[in-house]
Amino acid sequence: MVLKLYGWHKSTYTQRIAMVLHKKQVPFEFVMVDLFKSESKTPEYLEHQPFGQVLYIDNDGFILYESRAICLYIAEKYANQGTPNLLPTKDVKSRVMFEEASFIETSDFEVW
């Protein structure tokens, strides 16, 4: 089963995941969630994304719905394909500096 990315094409969260999928050369199916039709609020959607927000992935029944967690999952699960070393692995200092930058981006640069 091909990985499915459920999202809104203009969402920076959706674009973030699509970029990582492309970098890691992971085939995926994009499933558009139309926010103007409140598709993220349907009971079927809420079964997979309990906050009713865009987005989530379904990777052969494994569901994730937080964009940074999804990116980490993709980078680690598909570490041996596509662009190498999306995540630092050499030492703990490199890894926590990466995480620090991610937390800063989350807290200070995300546009609502």
C-alpha atoms as a PDB file:
ATOM      1  CA  MET A   1       0.000   0.000   0.000  1.00  0.00           C
ATOM      2  CA  VAL A   2       1.351   3.423  -0.928  1.00  0.00           C
ATOM      3  CA  LEU A   3       1.674   6.048   1.800  1.00  0.00           C
ATOM      4  CA  LYS A   4      -1.228   8.513   1.761  1.00  0.00           C
ATOM      5  CA  LEU A   5      -0.864  12.160   2.709  1.00  0.00           C
ATOM      6  CA  TYR A   6      -4.169  13.783   3.626  1.00  0.00           C
ATOM      7  CA  GLY A   7      -3.905  17.559   3.529  1.00  0.00           C
ATOM      8  CA  TRP A   8      -4.688  20.950   2.061  1.00  0.00           C
ATOM      9  CA  HIS A   9      -2.421  21.873  -0.848  1.00  0.00           C
ATOM     10  CA  LYS A  10      -1.800  25.411   0.431  1.00  0.00           C
ATOM     11  CA  SER A  11      -0.962  24.349   3.980  1.00  0.00           C
ATOM     12  CA  THR A  12       2.679  24.860   4.987  1.00  0.00           C
ATOM     13  CA  TYR A  13       2.332  21.734   7.138  1.00  0.00           C
ATOM     14  CA  THR A  14       1.255  19.669   4.127  1.00  0.00           C
ATOM     15  CA  GLN A  15       4.012  21.206   1.992  1.00  0.00           C
ATOM     16  CA  ARG A  16       6.612  20.414   4.674  1.00  0.00           C
ATOM     17  CA  ILE A  17       5.721  16.722   4.585  1.00  0.00           C
ATOM     18  CA  ALA A  18       5.501  16.598   0.785  1.00  0.00           C
ATOM     19  CA  MET A  19       9.002  18.106   0.591  1.00  0.00           C
ATOM     20  CA  VAL A  20      10.445  15.418   2.892  1.00  0.00           C
ATOM     21  CA  LEU A  21       8.626  12.687   0.951  1.00  0.00           C
ATOM     22  CA  HIS A  22      10.135  14.006  -2.282  1.00  0.00           C
ATOM     23  CA  LYS A  23      13.619  14.336  -0.763  1.00  0.00           C
ATOM     24  CA  LYS A  24      13.459  10.748   0.486  1.00  0.00           C
ATOM     25  CA  GLN A  25      11.944   9.587  -2.842  1.00  0.00           C
ATOM     26  CA  VAL A  26       8.970   8.000  -1.108  1.00  0.00           C
ATOM     27  CA  PRO A  27       6.038   7.360  -3.435  1.00  0.00           C
ATOM     28  CA  PHE A  28       2.819   8.722  -1.993  1.00  0.00           C
ATOM     29  CA  GLU A  29      -0.746   9.537  -2.843  1.00  0.00           C
ATOM     30  CA  PHE A  30      -1.980  13.021  -2.001  1.00  0.00           C
ATOM     31  CA  VAL A  31      -5.573  13.112  -0.757  1.00  0.00           C
ATOM     32  CA  MET A  32      -6.999  16.625  -0.802  1.00  0.00           C
ATOM     33  CA  VAL A  33      -8.905  17.683   2.309  1.00  0.00           C
ATOM     34  CA  ASP A  34     -11.112  20.614   1.311  1.00  0.00           C
ATOM     35  CA  LEU A  35     -11.181  23.002   4.241  1.00  0.00           C
ATOM     36  CA  PHE A  36     -13.850  25.150   2.586  1.00  0.00           C
ATOM     37  CA  LYS A  37     -16.186  22.155   2.709  1.00  0.00           C
ATOM     38  CA  SER A  38     -15.195  21.349   6.323  1.00  0.00           C
ATOM     39  CA  GLU A  39     -13.910  17.927   5.268  1.00  0.00           C
ATOM     40  CA  SER A  40     -11.521  17.924   8.232  1.00  0.00           C
ATOM     41  CA  LYS A  41     -14.514  17.937  10.590  1.00  0.00           C
ATOM     42  CA  THR A  42     -16.298  14.831   9.295  1.00  0.00           C
ATOM     43  CA  PRO A  43     -16.587  11.832  11.622  1.00  0.00           C
ATOM     44  CA  GLU A  44     -14.492   9.730   9.200  1.00  0.00           C
ATOM     45  CA  TYR A  45     -11.676  12.292   9.182  1.00  0.00           C
ATOM     46  CA  LEU A  46     -11.796  12.774  12.955  1.00  0.00           C
ATOM     47  CA  GLU A  47     -11.184   9.046  13.414  1.00  0.00           C
ATOM     48  CA  HIS A  48      -7.659   9.649  12.107  1.00  0.00           C
ATOM     49  CA  GLN A  49      -7.045  13.279  13.101  1.00  0.00           C
ATOM     50  CA  PRO A  50      -8.838  13.871  16.421  1.00  0.00           C
ATOM     51  CA  PHE A  51      -8.226  17.645  16.395  1.00  0.00           C
ATOM     52  CA  GLY A  52      -9.970  18.096  13.031  1.00  0.00           C
ATOM     53  CA  GLN A  53      -6.950  19.865  11.573  1.00  0.00           C
ATOM     54  CA  VAL A  54      -5.033  19.343   8.384  1.00  0.00           C
ATOM     55  CA  LEU A  55      -3.173  16.880   8.108  1.00  0.00           C
ATOM     56  CA  TYR A  56      -2.288  13.236   8.607  1.00  0.00           C
ATOM     57  CA  ILE A  57      -0.562  10.335   6.918  1.00  0.00           C
ATOM     58  CA  ASP A  58      -1.639   6.733   6.586  1.00  0.00           C
ATOM     59  CA  ASN A  59       1.308   4.428   5.977  1.00  0.00           C
ATOM     60  CA  ASP A  60      -0.211   0.970   5.637  1.00  0.00           C
ATOM     61  CA  GLY A  61      -2.499   1.563   8.620  1.00  0.00           C
ATOM     62  CA  PHE A  62       0.037   3.520  10.694  1.00  0.00           C
ATOM     63  CA  ILE A  63      -1.498   6.967  11.291  1.00  0.00           C
ATOM     64  CA  LEU A  64       0.405  10.105  12.323  1.00  0.00           C
ATOM     65  CA  TYR A  65      -0.989  13.641  12.404  1.00  0.00           C
ATOM     66  CA  GLU A  66       1.712  16.042  13.613  1.00  0.00           C
ATOM     67  CA  SER A  67       3.847  17.404  10.772  1.00  0.00           C
ATOM     68  CA  ARG A  68       7.224  17.379  12.516  1.00  0.00           C
ATOM     69  CA  ALA A  69       6.664  13.882  13.900  1.00  0.00           C
ATOM     70  CA  ILE A  70       5.693  12.769  10.390  1.00  0.00           C
ATOM     71  CA  CYS A  71       8.873  14.290   8.938  1.00  0.00           C
ATOM     72  CA  LEU A  72      11.004  12.524  11.556  1.00  0.00           C
ATOM     73  CA  TYR A  73       9.209   9.254  10.853  1.00  0.00           C
ATOM     74  CA  ILE A  74       9.804   9.546   7.101  1.00  0.00           C
ATOM     75  CA  ALA A  75      13.437  10.591   7.517  1.00  0.00           C
ATOM     76  CA  GLU A  76      14.166   7.632   9.793  1.00  0.00           C
ATOM     77  CA  LYS A  77      11.987   4.976   8.147  1.00  0.00           C
ATOM     78  CA  TYR A  78      13.396   5.757   4.692  1.00  0.00           C
ATOM     79  CA  ALA A  79      16.917   6.690   5.814  1.00  0.00           C
ATOM     80  CA  ASN A  80      18.575   4.573   3.114  1.00  0.00           C
ATOM     81  CA  GLN A  81      16.847   6.157   0.126  1.00  0.00           C
ATOM     82  CA  GLY A  82      16.752   9.575  -1.475  1.00  0.00           C
ATOM     83  CA  THR A  83      18.628  12.476   0.064  1.00  0.00           C
ATOM     84  CA  PRO A  84      20.909  11.099   2.778  1.00  0.00           C
ATOM     85  CA  ASN A  85      21.221  12.470   6.294  1.00  0.00           C
ATOM     86  CA  LEU A  86      18.141  14.622   6.656  1.00  0.00           C
ATOM     87  CA  LEU A  87      18.705  14.133  10.375  1.00  0.00           C
ATOM     88  CA  PRO A  88      22.060  14.464  12.112  1.00  0.00           C
ATOM     89  CA  THR A  89      23.243  11.154  13.503  1.00  0.00           C
ATOM     90  CA  LYS A  90      26.894  11.700  14.390  1.00  0.00           C
ATOM     91  CA  ASP A  91      26.558  12.754  17.993  1.00  0.00           C
ATOM     92  CA  VAL A  92      24.142  13.937  20.626  1.00  0.00           C
ATOM     93  CA  LYS A  93      25.190  17.613  20.289  1.00  0.00           C
ATOM     94  CA  SER A  94      24.371  17.648  16.570  1.00  0.00           C
ATOM     95  CA  ARG A  95      21.019  15.996  17.178  1.00  0.00           C
ATOM     96  CA  VAL A  96      19.930  18.354  19.966  1.00  0.00           C
ATOM     97  CA  MET A  97      21.034  21.394  17.938  1.00  0.00           C
ATOM     98  CA  PHE A  98      18.758  20.132  15.167  1.00  0.00           C
ATOM     99  CA  GLU A  99      15.918  19.695  17.670  1.00  0.00           C
ATOM    100  CA  GLU A 100      16.564  23.150  19.116  1.00  0.00           C
ATOM    101  CA  ALA A 101      16.225  24.714  15.652  1.00  0.00           C
ATOM    102  CA  SER A 102      13.018  22.735  15.108  1.00  0.00           C
ATOM    103  CA  PHE A 103      11.556  23.954  18.413  1.00  0.00           C
ATOM    104  CA  ILE A 104      12.499  27.552  17.618  1.00  0.00           C
ATOM    105  CA  GLU A 105      10.840  27.265  14.214  1.00  0.00           C
ATOM    106  CA  THR A 106       7.725  25.822  15.852  1.00  0.00           C
ATOM    107  CA  SER A 107       7.486  28.552  18.471  1.00  0.00           C
ATOM    108  CA  ASP A 108       8.701  31.623  16.637  1.00  0.00           C
ATOM    109  CA  PHE A 109       8.337  31.307  12.872  1.00  0.00           C
ATOM    110  CA  GLU A 110       5.194  29.310  12.132  1.00  0.00           C
ATOM    111  CA  VAL A 111       2.607  31.505  10.401  1.00  0.00           C
ATOM    112  CA  TRP A 112      -1.024  30.990  11.322  1.00  0.00           C
END
